[in-house]
Amino acid sequence: MSDMQQLEFFAIPSPCIGVCQSGPRGYCKGCFRSREERLHWLKIDDQTKRIIVKACNRRKQSWLKKQSASKLVGASPEQQDLF
């Protein structure tokens, strides 16, 4: 049976963390969902929610990587005294 699907026993919770501010690309700064994803969350099926949560995780990782890179570029190493 290769077409078996895993049963879901619990509803997929909203990834909202209560920040609720849109960033420059339109994604929430807290949960990284788009406006449409936030608006329709209660109406969509669990499979779609699962896809959205994975996309949010990718968006967050991308944002964290950019934040880390910008800190490295902005930081200049201090020269240590010899004495």
Foldseek 3Di string as FASTA:
>chain_A
DVPDDDDDPDADDDQDPPQQDADPVQAGPGQRAHPVCVVCVVPDDRVVVVVRNVVSVVVVVVVVVVVVVVVVVPDDDDDDDPD
